[in-house]
Protein backbone atom coordinates (compact mmCIF):
# COMPACT_ATOMS: atom_id res chain seq x y z
CA MET A 1 -235.46 157.82 157.20
CA ALA A 2 -233.64 154.98 155.34
CA PRO A 3 -231.30 156.09 152.39
CA SER A 4 -232.76 156.06 148.99
CA ALA A 5 -231.04 153.61 146.14
CA ARG A 6 -229.42 156.75 144.62
CA GLU A 7 -227.93 157.68 147.97
CA SER A 8 -226.72 154.28 148.56
CA LYS A 9 -225.06 153.82 145.18
CA THR A 10 -223.44 157.30 145.76
CA TRP A 11 -222.16 155.99 149.27
CA MET A 12 -220.78 152.68 147.38
CA LYS A 13 -219.39 155.10 144.60
CA VAL A 14 -217.46 156.68 147.73
CA VAL A 15 -216.26 153.72 149.20
CA THR A 16 -215.36 151.88 145.91
CA ALA A 17 -213.25 154.96 145.25
CA PHE A 18 -211.41 155.03 148.75
CA PHE A 19 -210.45 151.91 148.14
CA ILE A 20 -209.40 152.34 144.77
CA LEU A 21 -206.81 154.81 145.43
CA LYS A 22 -206.15 152.78 148.95
CA THR A 23 -205.07 150.02 146.23
CA LEU A 24 -203.28 152.48 144.11
CA LYS A 25 -201.15 153.85 147.02
CA SER A 26 -199.54 150.44 146.83
CA GLY A 27 -198.78 150.67 143.31
CA ALA A 28 -199.93 150.66 139.78
CA ALA A 29 -202.49 148.24 138.70
CA HIS A 30 -205.09 147.41 135.92
CA GLY A 31 -208.99 147.17 136.74
CA ASN A 32 -209.19 143.41 137.29
CA LYS A 33 -206.09 143.70 140.15
CA ILE A 34 -207.79 146.40 141.59
CA ALA A 35 -210.98 144.53 141.99
CA GLU A 36 -209.36 141.81 143.49
CA GLU A 37 -207.47 143.91 146.01
CA ILE A 38 -210.79 145.38 147.06
CA LYS A 39 -212.16 141.91 147.65
CA GLN A 40 -209.43 140.96 149.70
CA LEU A 41 -209.20 144.20 151.74
CA THR A 42 -212.83 143.87 152.47
CA ALA A 43 -212.88 140.54 153.10
CA GLN A 44 -215.19 139.65 150.42
CA THR A 45 -217.51 142.43 151.50
CA ILE A 46 -217.15 144.64 148.38
CA LEU A 47 -217.22 142.73 145.36
CA PRO A 48 -216.86 145.15 142.61
CA ASN A 49 -218.36 144.52 139.62
CA PRO A 50 -216.46 145.62 136.22
CA ASN A 51 -219.73 147.91 134.89
CA PHE A 52 -219.44 149.50 138.46
CA LEU A 53 -215.55 149.98 139.00
CA TYR A 54 -214.74 151.17 135.57
CA PRO A 55 -216.94 153.96 135.17
CA ILE A 56 -215.86 155.22 138.85
CA LEU A 57 -212.00 154.74 137.37
CA ARG A 58 -212.89 156.66 134.56
CA ASP A 59 -214.38 159.52 136.59
CA MET A 60 -211.39 159.50 138.64
CA GLU A 61 -209.25 159.58 135.67
CA ALA A 62 -211.35 162.51 134.16
CA ALA A 63 -210.93 164.65 137.71
CA ASN A 64 -206.98 163.87 137.46
CA TYR A 65 -207.20 161.50 140.55
CA VAL A 66 -205.56 158.60 138.55
CA VAL A 67 -203.89 158.07 135.39
CA GLY A 68 -204.48 155.02 133.09
CA GLN A 69 -202.17 153.88 130.32
CA TRP A 70 -202.18 151.08 128.20
CA GLU A 71 -200.22 148.21 128.93
CA ASN A 72 -199.74 147.58 124.95
CA PRO A 73 -201.25 150.76 123.06
CA SER A 74 -201.66 148.91 120.02
CA THR A 75 -203.92 146.17 121.61
CA ARG A 76 -205.57 148.03 124.11
CA GLY A 77 -205.68 145.01 126.47
CA LYS A 78 -205.15 146.19 130.13
CA ARG A 79 -205.22 149.90 130.86
CA ILE A 80 -202.89 150.30 134.08
CA TYR A 81 -203.89 153.05 136.21
CA THR A 82 -201.25 154.97 138.97
CA ILE A 83 -202.68 157.30 141.65
CA THR A 84 -201.24 161.35 140.99
CA ALA A 85 -200.35 163.79 143.32
CA ALA A 86 -203.94 165.10 143.42
CA GLY A 87 -204.92 161.54 143.95
CA GLY A 88 -203.07 161.15 146.96
CA GLU A 89 -204.88 164.26 148.21
CA TYR A 90 -208.27 163.31 147.46
CA PHE A 91 -207.39 159.86 149.68
CA TYR A 92 -207.37 161.35 152.49
CA GLU A 93 -210.76 163.47 151.74
CA LEU A 94 -212.49 160.18 151.31
CA GLN A 95 -210.85 158.49 154.03
CA GLN A 96 -212.49 161.43 156.41
CA LYS A 97 -215.76 161.13 154.63
CA VAL A 98 -215.68 157.55 155.05
CA ARG A 99 -214.47 157.81 158.66
CA THR A 100 -217.27 160.20 159.37
CA LYS A 101 -220.06 157.84 157.73
CA PHE A 102 -219.15 154.71 159.49
CA ILE A 103 -218.96 156.85 162.87
CA GLU A 104 -222.02 157.94 162.22
CA VAL A 105 -223.84 154.35 161.05
CA GLU A 106 -222.05 152.74 164.23
CA ARG A 107 -223.68 154.99 166.56
CA LYS A 108 -227.09 154.32 164.97
CA LEU A 109 -226.50 150.50 165.11
CA GLU A 110 -225.67 150.63 168.83
CA ILE A 111 -228.85 152.38 169.80
CA ILE A 112 -230.53 149.80 167.91
CA ARG A 113 -228.42 147.15 169.50
CA ARG A 114 -229.57 148.23 173.10
CA HIS A 115 -233.13 147.33 172.12
CA VAL A 116 -232.38 144.14 170.28
CA PHE A 117 -229.68 142.53 172.68
CA VAL A 118 -231.76 143.18 176.02
CA ASP A 119 -232.03 140.64 178.40
């Protein structure tokens, strides 16, 4: 059975959160830098839209996985995010979820591939 639109969106949130934390493990970054890093890491496979990325960052901040501080509090131009200790632990949890899902998807693709690429 095909995943619902809701399941697909939830899955993309998990993958995006994983890449946010992966990026922040290398150092603090603002949203646009995080988005660019995700594009680069995924060879343009994931192109995070700000309307999708920033709500995830806010949720991660509320859960204490990241901390955001305004670069210049008086102008509120860029919010710089850093990973917390809890975020570091959550990174490995997400990594395992992503790995498990990819193994499942690869297994299903292999089943289909056997029928599509027959001689």
